[in-house]
Amino acid sequence: MDEQGRPEPPVDGDEAATLLGFLDYHRATLTWKCAGLDAAGLRVTVASSKMTLGGLLKHLAYVEDHWFSRVLFDRERTAPFDAVDWTATPDWDWDSAADDTPEQLFGLWEDAVARSRESVAKVLENGLSQPARRPWPDGLTPSLRWILVHMIEEYSRHNGHADLIRESIDGSAGE
């Protein structure tokens, strides 16, 4: 663990342990950037962007559910994402976060991460080349490896946003 309580990825792990280690590291980075904030703090934006830390939590809960449940296992969306008209409100996850309490946002995200970890554990024994059950519209099917790398990229990109937003709130900076 580092000084922020994030698990350090293994320096000599196999491919799966390394990928999962980096994904958990980036999940913990988001937790660090959002820690201790009240509802007002989770609604702060920077410059002309309407992105908030609360929106990041809700969006990443959706992304976790999408990739590790909907795509990997071809399951239907879980609540609250199953009741959204995504065509009419494509930014619902971002926009609706302002109506949620910090407890709701953290709970939604933490539950999604827990389900994702369970999903990965179920298929990991078949290897990282395990194809997802839901193909993309073009017929291609991502592997578990691709999904894990994509999720690392997703968290990395959004943790950069989280850095800027958190620094604007209380000056907390780092990584």
N, C-alpha and C. Protein backbone atom coordinates (compact mmCIF):
# COMPACT_ATOMS: atom_id res chain seq x y z
N MET A 1 0.85 -1.19 0.00
CA MET A 1 0.00 0.00 0.00
C MET A 1 0.89 1.24 0.00
N ASP A 2 0.46 2.26 -0.74
CA ASP A 2 1.21 3.51 -0.71
C ASP A 2 0.66 4.42 0.38
N GLU A 3 1.17 5.64 0.46
CA GLU A 3 0.77 6.54 1.54
C GLU A 3 -0.69 7.00 1.45
N GLN A 4 -1.35 6.81 0.31
CA GLN A 4 -2.77 7.14 0.18
C GLN A 4 -3.66 5.91 0.39
N GLY A 5 -3.06 4.78 0.72
CA GLY A 5 -3.83 3.56 0.94
C GLY A 5 -4.17 2.80 -0.33
N ARG A 6 -3.47 3.10 -1.42
CA ARG A 6 -3.72 2.40 -2.68
C ARG A 6 -2.84 1.17 -2.79
N PRO A 7 -3.40 0.07 -3.27
CA PRO A 7 -2.58 -1.14 -3.43
C PRO A 7 -1.61 -0.96 -4.60
N GLU A 8 -0.36 -1.20 -4.34
CA GLU A 8 0.65 -1.11 -5.40
C GLU A 8 0.52 -2.33 -6.32
N PRO A 9 0.48 -2.11 -7.64
CA PRO A 9 0.45 -3.26 -8.55
C PRO A 9 1.72 -4.09 -8.38
N PRO A 10 1.63 -5.40 -8.59
CA PRO A 10 2.82 -6.24 -8.42
C PRO A 10 3.88 -5.87 -9.46
N VAL A 11 5.14 -5.85 -9.04
CA VAL A 11 6.22 -5.53 -9.98
C VAL A 11 6.70 -6.76 -10.74
N ASP A 12 6.30 -7.95 -10.29
CA ASP A 12 6.73 -9.16 -10.98
C ASP A 12 5.59 -10.18 -11.13
N GLY A 13 4.35 -9.68 -11.19
CA GLY A 13 3.21 -10.58 -11.33
C GLY A 13 3.02 -11.07 -12.74
N ASP A 14 2.19 -12.08 -12.90
CA ASP A 14 1.84 -12.53 -14.24
C ASP A 14 0.94 -11.47 -14.89
N GLU A 15 0.55 -11.72 -16.12
CA GLU A 15 -0.22 -10.72 -16.86
C GLU A 15 -1.53 -10.37 -16.17
N ALA A 16 -2.28 -11.36 -15.72
CA ALA A 16 -3.56 -11.10 -15.07
C ALA A 16 -3.37 -10.32 -13.78
N ALA A 17 -2.42 -10.72 -12.95
CA ALA A 17 -2.18 -10.02 -11.68
C ALA A 17 -1.74 -8.58 -11.93
N THR A 18 -0.95 -8.35 -12.96
CA THR A 18 -0.49 -7.00 -13.28
C THR A 18 -1.66 -6.13 -13.75
N LEU A 19 -2.47 -6.65 -14.65
CA LEU A 19 -3.63 -5.88 -15.14
C LEU A 19 -4.61 -5.58 -14.02
N LEU A 20 -4.94 -6.59 -13.23
CA LEU A 20 -5.88 -6.39 -12.12
C LEU A 20 -5.27 -5.48 -11.06
N GLY A 21 -3.97 -5.57 -10.84
CA GLY A 21 -3.29 -4.69 -9.89
C GLY A 21 -3.37 -3.24 -10.31
N PHE A 22 -3.16 -2.96 -11.59
CA PHE A 22 -3.26 -1.57 -12.06
C PHE A 22 -4.69 -1.08 -12.04
N LEU A 23 -5.66 -1.94 -12.36
CA LEU A 23 -7.06 -1.52 -12.29
C LEU A 23 -7.45 -1.17 -10.85
N ASP A 24 -7.08 -2.01 -9.90
CA ASP A 24 -7.38 -1.71 -8.50
C ASP A 24 -6.65 -0.46 -8.01
N TYR A 25 -5.44 -0.25 -8.48
CA TYR A 25 -4.70 0.97 -8.14
C TYR A 25 -5.46 2.21 -8.61
N HIS A 26 -5.97 2.17 -9.83
CA HIS A 26 -6.70 3.33 -10.36
C HIS A 26 -8.07 3.49 -9.71
N ARG A 27 -8.71 2.39 -9.34
CA ARG A 27 -9.95 2.50 -8.59
C ARG A 27 -9.68 3.18 -7.24
N ALA A 28 -8.60 2.79 -6.59
CA ALA A 28 -8.24 3.39 -5.30
C ALA A 28 -7.85 4.86 -5.45
N THR A 29 -7.29 5.23 -6.59
CA THR A 29 -6.95 6.64 -6.84
C THR A 29 -8.23 7.47 -6.90
N LEU A 30 -9.26 6.96 -7.55
CA LEU A 30 -10.53 7.68 -7.58
C LEU A 30 -11.09 7.83 -6.18
N THR A 31 -11.02 6.78 -5.39
CA THR A 31 -11.48 6.85 -4.00
C THR A 31 -10.73 7.94 -3.25
N TRP A 32 -9.43 7.99 -3.40
CA TRP A 32 -8.59 9.01 -2.75
C TRP A 32 -9.02 10.41 -3.16
N LYS A 33 -9.26 10.62 -4.44
CA LYS A 33 -9.61 11.96 -4.93
C LYS A 33 -10.99 12.41 -4.47
N CYS A 34 -11.88 11.47 -4.18
CA CYS A 34 -13.24 11.81 -3.76
C CYS A 34 -13.42 11.75 -2.25
N ALA A 35 -12.45 11.25 -1.53
CA ALA A 35 -12.59 11.01 -0.09
C ALA A 35 -12.83 12.29 0.70
N GLY A 36 -13.74 12.17 1.66
CA GLY A 36 -13.98 13.25 2.60
C GLY A 36 -14.79 14.42 2.08
N LEU A 37 -15.30 14.32 0.87
CA LEU A 37 -16.07 15.44 0.31
C LEU A 37 -17.55 15.27 0.61
N ASP A 38 -18.21 16.40 0.84
CA ASP A 38 -19.66 16.38 1.01
C ASP A 38 -20.32 16.52 -0.35
N ALA A 39 -21.64 16.63 -0.38
CA ALA A 39 -22.37 16.72 -1.64
C ALA A 39 -21.92 17.91 -2.46
N ALA A 40 -21.70 19.05 -1.81
CA ALA A 40 -21.26 20.25 -2.54
C ALA A 40 -19.90 20.00 -3.19
N GLY A 41 -19.00 19.36 -2.48
CA GLY A 41 -17.69 19.06 -3.04
C GLY A 41 -17.77 18.13 -4.23
N LEU A 42 -18.67 17.18 -4.18
CA LEU A 42 -18.82 16.24 -5.29
C LEU A 42 -19.52 16.86 -6.50
N ARG A 43 -20.02 18.10 -6.35
CA ARG A 43 -20.67 18.80 -7.46
C ARG A 43 -19.81 19.89 -8.08
N VAL A 44 -18.62 20.11 -7.58
CA VAL A 44 -17.74 21.17 -8.09
C VAL A 44 -17.29 20.85 -9.51
N THR A 45 -17.26 21.88 -10.35
CA THR A 45 -16.76 21.77 -11.71
C THR A 45 -15.51 22.64 -11.85
N VAL A 46 -14.78 22.44 -12.94
CA VAL A 46 -13.59 23.23 -13.24
C VAL A 46 -13.76 23.87 -14.60
N ALA A 47 -13.47 25.17 -14.64
CA ALA A 47 -13.53 25.94 -15.89
C ALA A 47 -14.89 25.75 -16.57
N SER A 48 -14.90 25.53 -17.86
CA SER A 48 -16.16 25.44 -18.59
C SER A 48 -16.76 24.03 -18.58
N SER A 49 -16.04 23.07 -18.03
CA SER A 49 -16.53 21.70 -17.99
C SER A 49 -17.64 21.56 -16.95
N LYS A 50 -18.61 20.70 -17.24
CA LYS A 50 -19.65 20.40 -16.24
C LYS A 50 -19.36 19.10 -15.50
N MET A 51 -18.16 18.53 -15.72
CA MET A 51 -17.75 17.29 -15.07
C MET A 51 -17.54 17.53 -13.58
N THR A 52 -18.05 16.58 -12.76
CA THR A 52 -17.91 16.65 -11.31
C THR A 52 -17.35 15.32 -10.80
N LEU A 53 -16.85 15.33 -9.57
CA LEU A 53 -16.40 14.08 -8.97
C LEU A 53 -17.57 13.13 -8.74
N GLY A 54 -18.72 13.67 -8.37
CA GLY A 54 -19.91 12.83 -8.23
C GLY A 54 -20.29 12.21 -9.57
N GLY A 55 -20.21 13.00 -10.63
CA GLY A 55 -20.48 12.48 -11.97
C GLY A 55 -19.49 11.39 -12.36
N LEU A 56 -18.22 11.58 -11.97
CA LEU A 56 -17.22 10.55 -12.24
C LEU A 56 -17.57 9.24 -11.54
N LEU A 57 -17.97 9.32 -10.27
CA LEU A 57 -18.35 8.12 -9.54
C LEU A 57 -19.50 7.39 -10.22
N LYS A 58 -20.52 8.15 -10.61
CA LYS A 58 -21.70 7.53 -11.23
C LYS A 58 -21.37 6.99 -12.62
N HIS A 59 -20.60 7.75 -13.39
CA HIS A 59 -20.20 7.31 -14.71
C HIS A 59 -19.38 6.03 -14.63
N LEU A 60 -18.41 5.99 -13.72
CA LEU A 60 -17.57 4.80 -13.61
C LEU A 60 -18.33 3.61 -13.05
N ALA A 61 -19.35 3.84 -12.25
CA ALA A 61 -20.23 2.74 -11.83
C ALA A 61 -20.93 2.17 -13.06
N TYR A 62 -21.41 3.05 -13.93
CA TYR A 62 -22.06 2.61 -15.16
C TYR A 62 -21.08 1.84 -16.05
N VAL A 63 -19.87 2.37 -16.20
CA VAL A 63 -18.87 1.74 -17.06
C VAL A 63 -18.48 0.36 -16.51
N GLU A 64 -18.30 0.27 -15.20
CA GLU A 64 -18.01 -1.04 -14.58
C GLU A 64 -19.12 -2.03 -14.93
N ASP A 65 -20.36 -1.61 -14.73
CA ASP A 65 -21.51 -2.48 -15.00
C ASP A 65 -21.57 -2.85 -16.49
N HIS A 66 -21.33 -1.87 -17.34
CA HIS A 66 -21.42 -2.11 -18.78
C HIS A 66 -20.41 -3.17 -19.23
N TRP A 67 -19.15 -2.97 -18.90
CA TRP A 67 -18.12 -3.86 -19.42
C TRP A 67 -18.07 -5.22 -18.73
N PHE A 68 -18.19 -5.24 -17.41
CA PHE A 68 -18.01 -6.49 -16.69
C PHE A 68 -19.29 -7.29 -16.49
N SER A 69 -20.43 -6.70 -16.80
CA SER A 69 -21.68 -7.44 -16.71
C SER A 69 -22.34 -7.53 -18.08
N ARG A 70 -22.66 -6.39 -18.66
CA ARG A 70 -23.38 -6.36 -19.93
C ARG A 70 -22.56 -6.96 -21.07
N VAL A 71 -21.32 -6.52 -21.23
CA VAL A 71 -20.51 -7.03 -22.35
C VAL A 71 -19.92 -8.40 -22.03
N LEU A 72 -19.24 -8.54 -20.90
CA LEU A 72 -18.55 -9.79 -20.59
C LEU A 72 -19.52 -10.97 -20.45
N PHE A 73 -20.69 -10.74 -19.83
CA PHE A 73 -21.63 -11.84 -19.59
C PHE A 73 -22.94 -11.72 -20.36
N ASP A 74 -23.12 -10.68 -21.14
CA ASP A 74 -24.35 -10.46 -21.91
C ASP A 74 -25.57 -10.37 -21.00
N ARG A 75 -25.38 -9.75 -19.84
CA ARG A 75 -26.49 -9.54 -18.91
C ARG A 75 -27.17 -8.22 -19.22
N GLU A 76 -28.40 -8.09 -18.75
CA GLU A 76 -29.10 -6.82 -18.87
C GLU A 76 -28.51 -5.83 -17.88
N ARG A 77 -28.72 -4.56 -18.13
CA ARG A 77 -28.22 -3.54 -17.22
C ARG A 77 -28.88 -3.69 -15.86
N THR A 78 -28.13 -3.31 -14.82
CA THR A 78 -28.67 -3.34 -13.46
C THR A 78 -29.21 -1.97 -13.10
N ALA A 79 -29.99 -1.91 -12.01
CA ALA A 79 -30.52 -0.64 -11.52
C ALA A 79 -29.36 0.22 -11.03
N PRO A 80 -29.43 1.49 -11.23
CA PRO A 80 -30.47 2.29 -11.85
C PRO A 80 -30.33 2.43 -13.37
N PHE A 81 -29.29 1.83 -13.94
CA PHE A 81 -28.98 2.03 -15.35
C PHE A 81 -29.98 1.38 -16.29
N ASP A 82 -30.76 0.43 -15.79
CA ASP A 82 -31.74 -0.28 -16.61
C ASP A 82 -32.99 0.55 -16.90
N ALA A 83 -33.20 1.62 -16.14
CA ALA A 83 -34.41 2.44 -16.31
C ALA A 83 -34.15 3.72 -17.10
N VAL A 84 -32.98 3.85 -17.69
CA VAL A 84 -32.59 5.07 -18.38
C VAL A 84 -32.84 4.93 -19.88
N ASP A 85 -33.40 5.97 -20.48
CA ASP A 85 -33.51 6.05 -21.94
C ASP A 85 -32.20 6.68 -22.42
N TRP A 86 -31.21 5.85 -22.74
CA TRP A 86 -29.88 6.33 -23.07
C TRP A 86 -29.85 7.10 -24.39
N THR A 87 -30.80 6.84 -25.27
CA THR A 87 -30.85 7.59 -26.53
C THR A 87 -31.29 9.03 -26.25
N ALA A 88 -32.29 9.19 -25.40
CA ALA A 88 -32.80 10.53 -25.08
C ALA A 88 -31.88 11.28 -24.11
N THR A 89 -31.20 10.55 -23.22
CA THR A 89 -30.34 11.18 -22.21
C THR A 89 -28.99 10.48 -22.15
N PRO A 90 -28.15 10.67 -23.18
CA PRO A 90 -26.88 9.95 -23.24
C PRO A 90 -25.89 10.30 -22.12
N ASP A 91 -26.09 11.45 -21.47
CA ASP A 91 -25.22 11.86 -20.37
C ASP A 91 -25.91 11.72 -19.02
N TRP A 92 -26.90 10.85 -18.93
CA TRP A 92 -27.67 10.69 -17.70
C TRP A 92 -26.79 10.42 -16.50
N ASP A 93 -25.81 9.53 -16.66
CA ASP A 93 -24.94 9.18 -15.52
C ASP A 93 -24.22 10.42 -14.99
N TRP A 94 -23.74 11.25 -15.88
CA TRP A 94 -23.05 12.49 -15.47
C TRP A 94 -24.02 13.50 -14.87
N ASP A 95 -25.13 13.73 -15.57
CA ASP A 95 -26.05 14.80 -15.19
C ASP A 95 -26.85 14.49 -13.92
N SER A 96 -27.25 13.25 -13.75
CA SER A 96 -28.11 12.91 -12.62
C SER A 96 -27.37 12.80 -11.30
N ALA A 97 -26.05 12.77 -11.33
CA ALA A 97 -25.27 12.63 -10.09
C ALA A 97 -25.50 13.77 -9.12
N ALA A 98 -25.84 14.94 -9.62
CA ALA A 98 -26.08 16.10 -8.75
C ALA A 98 -27.29 15.88 -7.84
N ASP A 99 -28.16 14.95 -8.20
CA ASP A 99 -29.35 14.66 -7.39
C ASP A 99 -29.10 13.60 -6.33
N ASP A 100 -27.91 13.02 -6.32
CA ASP A 100 -27.59 11.92 -5.40
C ASP A 100 -26.73 12.40 -4.24
N THR A 101 -26.87 11.72 -3.12
CA THR A 101 -26.04 12.02 -1.95
C THR A 101 -24.66 11.37 -2.14
N PRO A 102 -23.66 11.83 -1.40
CA PRO A 102 -22.37 11.15 -1.46
C PRO A 102 -22.49 9.66 -1.13
N GLU A 103 -23.32 9.31 -0.16
CA GLU A 103 -23.50 7.91 0.20
C GLU A 103 -24.07 7.11 -0.96
N GLN A 104 -25.03 7.67 -1.67
CA GLN A 104 -25.61 6.98 -2.82
C GLN A 104 -24.56 6.79 -3.92
N LEU A 105 -23.80 7.84 -4.19
CA LEU A 105 -22.80 7.77 -5.26
C LEU A 105 -21.70 6.76 -4.94
N PHE A 106 -21.15 6.85 -3.72
CA PHE A 106 -20.12 5.88 -3.34
C PHE A 106 -20.68 4.47 -3.29
N GLY A 107 -21.89 4.30 -2.77
CA GLY A 107 -22.51 2.98 -2.71
C GLY A 107 -22.72 2.38 -4.09
N LEU A 108 -23.22 3.18 -5.03
CA LEU A 108 -23.44 2.71 -6.39
C LEU A 108 -22.13 2.26 -7.02
N TRP A 109 -21.10 3.08 -6.88
CA TRP A 109 -19.80 2.77 -7.46
C TRP A 109 -19.17 1.55 -6.77
N GLU A 110 -19.17 1.52 -5.45
CA GLU A 110 -18.58 0.39 -4.72
C GLU A 110 -19.28 -0.92 -5.05
N ASP A 111 -20.61 -0.89 -5.16
CA ASP A 111 -21.35 -2.10 -5.52
C ASP A 111 -20.99 -2.57 -6.93
N ALA A 112 -20.85 -1.62 -7.85
CA ALA A 112 -20.49 -1.97 -9.23
C ALA A 112 -19.09 -2.58 -9.28
N VAL A 113 -18.16 -2.01 -8.53
CA VAL A 113 -16.80 -2.55 -8.49
C VAL A 113 -16.81 -3.96 -7.91
N ALA A 114 -17.57 -4.18 -6.85
CA ALA A 114 -17.65 -5.52 -6.24
C ALA A 114 -18.20 -6.53 -7.24
N ARG A 115 -19.26 -6.16 -7.97
CA ARG A 115 -19.82 -7.07 -8.98
C ARG A 115 -18.80 -7.34 -10.08
N SER A 116 -18.05 -6.30 -10.47
CA SER A 116 -17.04 -6.46 -11.51
C SER A 116 -15.96 -7.44 -11.08
N ARG A 117 -15.51 -7.31 -9.85
CA ARG A 117 -14.48 -8.23 -9.35
C ARG A 117 -14.99 -9.67 -9.36
N GLU A 118 -16.24 -9.87 -8.96
CA GLU A 118 -16.84 -11.21 -8.97
C GLU A 118 -16.92 -11.73 -10.40
N SER A 119 -17.32 -10.89 -11.33
CA SER A 119 -17.43 -11.30 -12.73
C SER A 119 -16.08 -11.72 -13.29
N VAL A 120 -15.05 -10.93 -13.03
CA VAL A 120 -13.71 -11.26 -13.53
C VAL A 120 -13.24 -12.58 -12.92
N ALA A 121 -13.45 -12.76 -11.63
CA ALA A 121 -13.01 -13.99 -10.97
C ALA A 121 -13.67 -15.22 -11.60
N LYS A 122 -14.92 -15.08 -12.07
CA LYS A 122 -15.63 -16.22 -12.67
C LYS A 122 -15.03 -16.66 -13.99
N VAL A 123 -14.46 -15.73 -14.75
CA VAL A 123 -13.95 -16.09 -16.08
C VAL A 123 -12.44 -16.13 -16.16
N LEU A 124 -11.76 -15.60 -15.17
CA LEU A 124 -10.30 -15.51 -15.24
C LEU A 124 -9.63 -16.87 -15.35
N GLU A 125 -10.23 -17.89 -14.76
CA GLU A 125 -9.63 -19.23 -14.83
C GLU A 125 -9.54 -19.72 -16.28
N ASN A 126 -10.35 -19.14 -17.17
CA ASN A 126 -10.30 -19.50 -18.58
C ASN A 126 -9.27 -18.68 -19.35
N GLY A 127 -8.58 -17.78 -18.67
CA GLY A 127 -7.52 -16.99 -19.29
C GLY A 127 -8.00 -15.62 -19.77
N LEU A 128 -7.03 -14.78 -20.02
CA LEU A 128 -7.32 -13.41 -20.45
C LEU A 128 -7.86 -13.32 -21.88
N SER A 129 -7.67 -14.38 -22.65
CA SER A 129 -8.19 -14.39 -24.02
C SER A 129 -9.67 -14.75 -24.08
N GLN A 130 -10.25 -15.07 -22.93
CA GLN A 130 -11.68 -15.40 -22.85
C GLN A 130 -12.48 -14.31 -23.56
N PRO A 131 -13.27 -14.66 -24.58
CA PRO A 131 -14.07 -13.64 -25.26
C PRO A 131 -15.31 -13.26 -24.45
N ALA A 132 -15.71 -12.02 -24.60
CA ALA A 132 -16.95 -11.56 -23.99
C ALA A 132 -18.11 -12.27 -24.68
N ARG A 133 -19.25 -12.30 -24.02
CA ARG A 133 -20.42 -12.97 -24.61
C ARG A 133 -21.23 -12.04 -25.51
N ARG A 134 -21.11 -10.73 -25.31
CA ARG A 134 -21.86 -9.78 -26.14
C ARG A 134 -20.93 -9.18 -27.18
N PRO A 135 -21.14 -9.49 -28.45
CA PRO A 135 -20.29 -8.89 -29.48
C PRO A 135 -20.66 -7.43 -29.72
N TRP A 136 -19.73 -6.71 -30.29
CA TRP A 136 -20.00 -5.33 -30.69
C TRP A 136 -20.89 -5.35 -31.93
N PRO A 137 -21.48 -4.21 -32.28
CA PRO A 137 -22.35 -4.18 -33.47
C PRO A 137 -21.66 -4.65 -34.75
N ASP A 138 -20.34 -4.48 -34.84
CA ASP A 138 -19.63 -4.92 -36.05
C ASP A 138 -19.28 -6.41 -36.03
N GLY A 139 -19.70 -7.12 -34.96
CA GLY A 139 -19.46 -8.55 -34.87
C GLY A 139 -18.19 -8.93 -34.12
N LEU A 140 -17.28 -7.99 -33.91
CA LEU A 140 -16.07 -8.29 -33.14
C LEU A 140 -16.43 -8.48 -31.67
N THR A 141 -15.64 -9.30 -31.00
CA THR A 141 -15.88 -9.57 -29.59
C THR A 141 -14.60 -9.31 -28.81
N PRO A 142 -14.65 -8.39 -27.85
CA PRO A 142 -13.43 -8.13 -27.07
C PRO A 142 -13.12 -9.27 -26.12
N SER A 143 -11.85 -9.43 -25.83
CA SER A 143 -11.43 -10.43 -24.84
C SER A 143 -11.44 -9.79 -23.46
N LEU A 144 -11.34 -10.63 -22.43
CA LEU A 144 -11.21 -10.13 -21.07
C LEU A 144 -9.98 -9.23 -20.98
N ARG A 145 -8.89 -9.60 -21.63
CA ARG A 145 -7.67 -8.79 -21.64
C ARG A 145 -7.99 -7.38 -22.15
N TRP A 146 -8.68 -7.29 -23.29
CA TRP A 146 -9.02 -5.99 -23.88
C TRP A 146 -9.87 -5.18 -22.91
N ILE A 147 -10.86 -5.82 -22.29
CA ILE A 147 -11.75 -5.11 -21.35
C ILE A 147 -10.94 -4.58 -20.17
N LEU A 148 -10.04 -5.38 -19.62
CA LEU A 148 -9.22 -4.92 -18.49
C LEU A 148 -8.34 -3.74 -18.88
N VAL A 149 -7.69 -3.83 -20.03
CA VAL A 149 -6.85 -2.71 -20.47
C VAL A 149 -7.70 -1.48 -20.72
N HIS A 150 -8.87 -1.66 -21.32
CA HIS A 150 -9.76 -0.52 -21.54
C HIS A 150 -10.18 0.13 -20.23
N MET A 151 -10.48 -0.68 -19.23
CA MET A 151 -10.89 -0.12 -17.93
C MET A 151 -9.74 0.61 -17.25
N ILE A 152 -8.51 0.12 -17.39
CA ILE A 152 -7.36 0.84 -16.87
C ILE A 152 -7.26 2.20 -17.56
N GLU A 153 -7.43 2.22 -18.85
CA GLU A 153 -7.41 3.48 -19.61
C GLU A 153 -8.52 4.41 -19.16
N GLU A 154 -9.71 3.88 -18.96
CA GLU A 154 -10.86 4.68 -18.55
C GLU A 154 -10.60 5.35 -17.20
N TYR A 155 -10.13 4.57 -16.23
CA TYR A 155 -9.82 5.13 -14.92
C TYR A 155 -8.66 6.12 -14.99
N SER A 156 -7.62 5.79 -15.74
CA SER A 156 -6.46 6.68 -15.84
C SER A 156 -6.86 8.05 -16.37
N ARG A 157 -7.65 8.04 -17.44
CA ARG A 157 -8.09 9.30 -18.04
C ARG A 157 -8.93 10.10 -17.05
N HIS A 158 -9.89 9.45 -16.42
CA HIS A 158 -10.77 10.16 -15.50
C HIS A 158 -10.08 10.54 -14.20
N ASN A 159 -9.06 9.79 -13.78
CA ASN A 159 -8.32 10.21 -12.59
C ASN A 159 -7.56 11.51 -12.85
N GLY A 160 -7.16 11.75 -14.07
CA GLY A 160 -6.57 13.05 -14.42
C GLY A 160 -7.59 14.17 -14.23
N HIS A 161 -8.82 13.92 -14.65
CA HIS A 161 -9.88 14.90 -14.41
C HIS A 161 -10.09 15.10 -12.91
N ALA A 162 -10.11 13.99 -12.18
CA ALA A 162 -10.33 14.06 -10.73
C ALA A 162 -9.25 14.88 -10.05
N ASP A 163 -8.01 14.75 -10.51
CA ASP A 163 -6.91 15.56 -9.95
C ASP A 163 -7.23 17.05 -10.04
N LEU A 164 -7.63 17.48 -11.22
CA LEU A 164 -7.90 18.91 -11.43
C LEU A 164 -9.09 19.39 -10.60
N ILE A 165 -10.15 18.59 -10.57
CA ILE A 165 -11.34 19.00 -9.82
C ILE A 165 -11.02 19.06 -8.34
N ARG A 166 -10.37 18.03 -7.81
CA ARG A 166 -10.07 18.01 -6.37
C ARG A 166 -9.14 19.16 -5.99
N GLU A 167 -8.15 19.45 -6.79
CA GLU A 167 -7.25 20.56 -6.49
C GLU A 167 -8.01 21.88 -6.45
N SER A 168 -9.02 22.04 -7.31
CA SER A 168 -9.80 23.29 -7.30
C SER A 168 -10.67 23.42 -6.06
N ILE A 169 -10.99 22.30 -5.41
CA ILE A 169 -11.85 22.32 -4.24
C ILE A 169 -11.08 22.74 -2.99
N ASP A 170 -9.97 22.06 -2.73
CA ASP A 170 -9.27 22.30 -1.48
C ASP A 170 -7.75 22.33 -1.60
N GLY A 171 -7.25 22.37 -2.81
CA GLY A 171 -5.81 22.44 -3.02
C GLY A 171 -5.11 21.10 -2.94
N SER A 172 -5.85 20.02 -2.66
CA SER A 172 -5.22 18.70 -2.59
C SER A 172 -4.67 18.34 -3.96
N ALA A 173 -3.40 18.05 -4.00
CA ALA A 173 -2.77 17.72 -5.27
C ALA A 173 -1.92 16.48 -5.08
N GLY A 174 -1.58 15.88 -6.17
CA GLY A 174 -0.72 14.70 -6.13
C GLY A 174 -1.14 13.69 -7.15
N GLU A 175 -0.16 13.16 -7.81
CA GLU A 175 -0.35 12.13 -8.83
C GLU A 175 -1.39 12.56 -9.81
